[in-house]
C-alpha atoms as a PDB file:
ATOM      1  CA  MET A   1     149.812  89.706 117.314  1.00  0.00           C
ATOM      2  CA  ASP A   2     152.428  88.824 114.698  1.00  0.00           C
ATOM      3  CA  THR A   3     152.026  89.147 110.940  1.00  0.00           C
ATOM      4  CA  LEU A   4     153.230  86.134 108.983  1.00  0.00           C
ATOM      5  CA  HIS A   5     154.177  86.358 105.307  1.00  0.00           C
ATOM      6  CA  PHE A   6     154.079  83.588 102.713  1.00  0.00           C
ATOM      7  CA  SER A   7     154.400  83.566  98.938  1.00  0.00           C
ATOM      8  CA  ILE A   8     154.484  81.218  95.981  1.00  0.00           C
ATOM      9  CA  ALA A   9     154.916  81.557  92.216  1.00  0.00           C
ATOM     10  CA  ILE A  10     152.406  79.622  90.115  1.00  0.00           C
ATOM     11  CA  ASN A  11     152.687  78.990  86.381  1.00  0.00           C
ATOM     12  CA  ALA A  12     149.143  80.105  85.569  1.00  0.00           C
ATOM     13  CA  PRO A  13     147.310  83.371  84.859  1.00  0.00           C
ATOM     14  CA  LYS A  14     146.175  85.234  87.978  1.00  0.00           C
ATOM     15  CA  GLU A  15     142.492  84.862  87.036  1.00  0.00           C
ATOM     16  CA  ASN A  16     142.901  81.063  87.114  1.00  0.00           C
ATOM     17  CA  VAL A  17     144.802  81.201  90.406  1.00  0.00           C
ATOM     18  CA  TRP A  18     142.189  83.513  91.975  1.00  0.00           C
ATOM     19  CA  ASN A  19     139.304  81.285  90.873  1.00  0.00           C
ATOM     20  CA  THR A  20     141.024  78.100  92.020  1.00  0.00           C
ATOM     21  CA  MET A  21     141.832  79.659  95.383  1.00  0.00           C
ATOM     22  CA  LEU A  22     138.349  81.014  96.077  1.00  0.00           C
ATOM     23  CA  GLN A  23     135.762  78.787  94.344  1.00  0.00           C
ATOM     24  CA  ASP A  24     134.039  76.417  96.748  1.00  0.00           C
ATOM     25  CA  LYS A  25     135.037  73.089  95.172  1.00  0.00           C
ATOM     26  CA  THR A  26     138.718  73.925  94.814  1.00  0.00           C
ATOM     27  CA  TYR A  27     138.903  75.966  98.058  1.00  0.00           C
ATOM     28  CA  ARG A  28     137.933  72.795  99.931  1.00  0.00           C
ATOM     29  CA  LYS A  29     140.843  70.901  98.352  1.00  0.00           C
ATOM     30  CA  TRP A  30     143.730  73.249  99.136  1.00  0.00           C
ATOM     31  CA  THR A  31     142.428  74.223 102.601  1.00  0.00           C
ATOM     32  CA  SER A  32     142.136  70.564 103.604  1.00  0.00           C
ATOM     33  CA  ILE A  33     145.820  70.994 104.554  1.00  0.00           C
ATOM     34  CA  PHE A  34     144.628  73.089 107.510  1.00  0.00           C
ATOM     35  CA  SER A  35     141.690  70.855 108.389  1.00  0.00           C
ATOM     36  CA  GLU A  36     140.054  68.072 106.397  1.00  0.00           C
ATOM     37  CA  GLY A  37     136.537  69.206 105.578  1.00  0.00           C
ATOM     38  CA  SER A  38     137.334  72.944 105.624  1.00  0.00           C
ATOM     39  CA  HIS A  39     134.806  75.040 103.739  1.00  0.00           C
ATOM     40  CA  TYR A  40     133.209  78.449 103.730  1.00  0.00           C
ATOM     41  CA  LYS A  41     129.676  79.797 103.730  1.00  0.00           C
ATOM     42  CA  GLY A  42     129.019  83.247 102.413  1.00  0.00           C
ATOM     43  CA  SER A  43     130.417  85.537  99.783  1.00  0.00           C
ATOM     44  CA  TRP A  44     133.819  86.952  98.870  1.00  0.00           C
ATOM     45  CA  ASP A  45     132.170  90.299  97.949  1.00  0.00           C
ATOM     46  CA  LYS A  46     133.488  93.386  99.740  1.00  0.00           C
ATOM     47  CA  GLY A  47     131.557  93.992 102.969  1.00  0.00           C
ATOM     48  CA  SER A  48     130.118  90.470 103.024  1.00  0.00           C
ATOM     49  CA  LYS A  49     130.088  88.205 106.023  1.00  0.00           C
ATOM     50  CA  ILE A  50     131.791  84.854 105.477  1.00  0.00           C
ATOM     51  CA  LEU A  51     132.074  81.798 107.725  1.00  0.00           C
ATOM     52  CA  PHE A  52     135.185  79.591 107.630  1.00  0.00           C
ATOM     53  CA  LEU A  53     134.144  76.228 109.039  1.00  0.00           C
ATOM     54  CA  GLY A  54     135.379  72.725 109.668  1.00  0.00           C
ATOM     55  CA  PRO A  55     133.317  69.558 109.220  1.00  0.00           C
ATOM     56  CA  SER A  56     131.739  69.984 112.676  1.00  0.00           C
ATOM     57  CA  GLY A  57     130.336  73.391 111.660  1.00  0.00           C
ATOM     58  CA  GLU A  58     132.637  75.212 114.061  1.00  0.00           C
ATOM     59  CA  GLY A  59     135.201  77.767 112.987  1.00  0.00           C
ATOM     60  CA  MET A  60     135.298  81.518 112.601  1.00  0.00           C
ATOM     61  CA  PHE A  61     133.300  84.299 111.056  1.00  0.00           C
ATOM     62  CA  SER A  62     134.799  87.183 109.181  1.00  0.00           C
ATOM     63  CA  ARG A  63     134.074  90.129 106.920  1.00  0.00           C
ATOM     64  CA  ILE A  64     135.546  90.742 103.485  1.00  0.00           C
ATOM     65  CA  ALA A  65     137.225  94.117 104.082  1.00  0.00           C
ATOM     66  CA  GLU A  66     138.466  94.564 100.504  1.00  0.00           C
ATOM     67  CA  ASN A  67     138.070  92.724  97.224  1.00  0.00           C
ATOM     68  CA  THR A  68     139.769  93.882  94.034  1.00  0.00           C
ATOM     69  CA  PRO A  69     139.126  90.950  91.676  1.00  0.00           C
ATOM     70  CA  TYR A  70     142.237  89.065  90.564  1.00  0.00           C
ATOM     71  CA  GLU A  71     144.485  91.420  92.566  1.00  0.00           C
ATOM     72  CA  TYR A  72     143.724  91.650  96.278  1.00  0.00           C
ATOM     73  CA  ILE A  73     141.425  90.342  98.968  1.00  0.00           C
ATOM     74  CA  SER A  74     141.445  91.268 102.646  1.00  0.00           C
ATOM     75  CA  ILE A  75     139.609  89.239 105.270  1.00  0.00           C
ATOM     76  CA  GLU A  76     138.953  90.713 108.710  1.00  0.00           C
ATOM     77  CA  HIS A  77     138.366  88.014 111.311  1.00  0.00           C
ATOM     78  CA  LEU A  78     135.637  88.963 113.796  1.00  0.00           C
ATOM     79  CA  GLY A  79     134.926  85.963 115.996  1.00  0.00           C
ATOM     80  CA  PHE A  80     134.380  82.243 116.399  1.00  0.00           C
ATOM     81  CA  VAL A  81     131.438  79.983 115.591  1.00  0.00           C
ATOM     82  CA  LYS A  82     130.803  77.362 118.261  1.00  0.00           C
ATOM     83  CA  ASP A  83     127.690  75.264 118.863  1.00  0.00           C
ATOM     84  CA  GLY A  84     126.005  77.166 116.017  1.00  0.00           C
ATOM     85  CA  LYS A  85     126.480  80.525 117.748  1.00  0.00           C
ATOM     86  CA  GLU A  86     128.789  83.436 117.001  1.00  0.00           C
ATOM     87  CA  ASP A  87     131.185  84.327 119.805  1.00  0.00           C
ATOM     88  CA  THR A  88     132.363  87.943 119.895  1.00  0.00           C
ATOM     89  CA  GLU A  89     132.870  88.266 123.655  1.00  0.00           C
ATOM     90  CA  SER A  90     135.186  85.496 124.922  1.00  0.00           C
ATOM     91  CA  PRO A  91     138.773  86.354 125.876  1.00  0.00           C
ATOM     92  CA  GLU A  92     140.001  84.157 122.977  1.00  0.00           C
ATOM     93  CA  VAL A  93     137.976  86.221 120.505  1.00  0.00           C
ATOM     94  CA  LYS A  94     139.003  89.546 122.020  1.00  0.00           C
ATOM     95  CA  ALA A  95     142.672  88.576 121.567  1.00  0.00           C
ATOM     96  CA  PHE A  96     142.008  87.632 117.940  1.00  0.00           C
ATOM     97  CA  ALA A  97     139.258  89.982 116.688  1.00  0.00           C
ATOM     98  CA  GLY A  98     140.332  92.416 114.014  1.00  0.00           C
ATOM     99  CA  ALA A  99     143.102  90.160 112.700  1.00  0.00           C
ATOM    100  CA  HIS A 100     143.508  90.334 108.938  1.00  0.00           C
ATOM    101  CA  GLU A 101     144.380  87.758 106.319  1.00  0.00           C
ATOM    102  CA  ASN A 102     145.328  89.349 102.999  1.00  0.00           C
ATOM    103  CA  TYR A 103     146.005  87.779  99.605  1.00  0.00           C
ATOM    104  CA  THR A 104     147.790  89.770  96.898  1.00  0.00           C
ATOM    105  CA  PHE A 105     148.021  88.455  93.325  1.00  0.00           C
ATOM    106  CA  SER A 106     150.458  89.727  90.696  1.00  0.00           C
ATOM    107  CA  GLU A 107     151.267  88.264  87.299  1.00  0.00           C
ATOM    108  CA  GLU A 108     154.305  88.614  85.096  1.00  0.00           C
ATOM    109  CA  GLY A 109     154.956  86.554  81.987  1.00  0.00           C
ATOM    110  CA  GLY A 110     152.169  84.089  82.779  1.00  0.00           C
ATOM    111  CA  VAL A 111     153.488  83.443  86.302  1.00  0.00           C
ATOM    112  CA  THR A 112     151.280  84.528  89.202  1.00  0.00           C
ATOM    113  CA  THR A 113     152.778  85.309  92.574  1.00  0.00           C
ATOM    114  CA  ILE A 114     150.502  85.116  95.596  1.00  0.00           C
ATOM    115  CA  LEU A 115     151.521  86.951  98.745  1.00  0.00           C
ATOM    116  CA  VAL A 116     149.741  85.963 101.936  1.00  0.00           C
ATOM    117  CA  ASP A 117     149.960  88.287 104.947  1.00  0.00           C
ATOM    118  CA  MET A 118     148.256  86.938 108.037  1.00  0.00           C
ATOM    119  CA  ASP A 119     147.902  88.260 111.570  1.00  0.00           C
ATOM    120  CA  THR A 120     148.110  85.546 114.203  1.00  0.00           C
ATOM    121  CA  GLY A 121     148.735  85.000 117.871  1.00  0.00           C
ATOM    122  CA  GLU A 122     151.882  83.381 119.183  1.00  0.00           C
ATOM    123  CA  GLU A 123     150.021  80.147 119.989  1.00  0.00           C
ATOM    124  CA  TYR A 124     149.200  79.537 116.287  1.00  0.00           C
ATOM    125  CA  LYS A 125     152.382  80.889 114.692  1.00  0.00           C
ATOM    126  CA  ALA A 126     154.277  77.574 114.409  1.00  0.00           C
ATOM    127  CA  MET A 127     151.213  75.764 113.044  1.00  0.00           C
ATOM    128  CA  PHE A 128     150.657  78.355 110.298  1.00  0.00           C
ATOM    129  CA  GLU A 129     154.381  78.482 109.468  1.00  0.00           C
ATOM    130  CA  ASP A 130     154.178  74.733 108.898  1.00  0.00           C
ATOM    131  CA  LEU A 131     150.824  74.524 107.101  1.00  0.00           C
ATOM    132  CA  TRP A 132     150.661  77.624 104.860  1.00  0.00           C
ATOM    133  CA  PRO A 133     153.598  76.555 102.626  1.00  0.00           C
ATOM    134  CA  LYS A 134     151.992  73.115 102.221  1.00  0.00           C
ATOM    135  CA  ALA A 135     148.603  74.642 101.402  1.00  0.00           C
ATOM    136  CA  LEU A 136     150.160  77.009  98.837  1.00  0.00           C
ATOM    137  CA  LEU A 137     152.049  74.123  97.230  1.00  0.00           C
ATOM    138  CA  THR A 138     148.763  72.209  96.951  1.00  0.00           C
ATOM    139  CA  LEU A 139     147.140  75.278  95.367  1.00  0.00           C
ATOM    140  CA  LYS A 140     150.083  75.604  92.957  1.00  0.00           C
ATOM    141  CA  THR A 141     149.722  71.976  91.864  1.00  0.00           C
ATOM    142  CA  MET A 142     145.980  72.406  91.370  1.00  0.00           C
ATOM    143  CA  CYS A 143     146.422  75.573  89.280  1.00  0.00           C
ATOM    144  CA  GLU A 144     149.174  74.131  87.148  1.00  0.00           C
ATOM    145  CA  ASP A 145     147.027  71.042  86.577  1.00  0.00           C
ATOM    146  CA  HIS A 146     144.221  73.367  85.403  1.00  0.00           C
ATOM    147  CA  GLY A 147     142.358  73.568  88.709  1.00  0.00           C
ATOM    148  CA  GLU A 148     141.742  69.876  89.257  1.00  0.00           C
END
């Protein structure tokens, strides 16, 4: 597995950036870059299970490994959701399980920098290298337009 790194500077306080990134309504907007209709079910609280789903209800399930509000969140991906069931046993899951997606927030002079570190397999690397910068630019625009 490779770890990809992305970052963006946003002219907004880190609390605003954090909330815009993680609140349901605004999460759906910036993650639509990855898949129209993307959403989550669950909680961002440390130790909580969270489902990342597309409009069909399929996607992946994960655990929030760490959550330091307004500073850091770590997501550990555990498996896939398909046909309403959690898959932890397929070869695809075994190659992917335990991958992390981490967001680090730092603020200086009213500018928040988000660092995204994401484990991924070779088959998804090019897609994420294309889509993450677009998603972060969408998030930046939303934050600088006061979350709308």
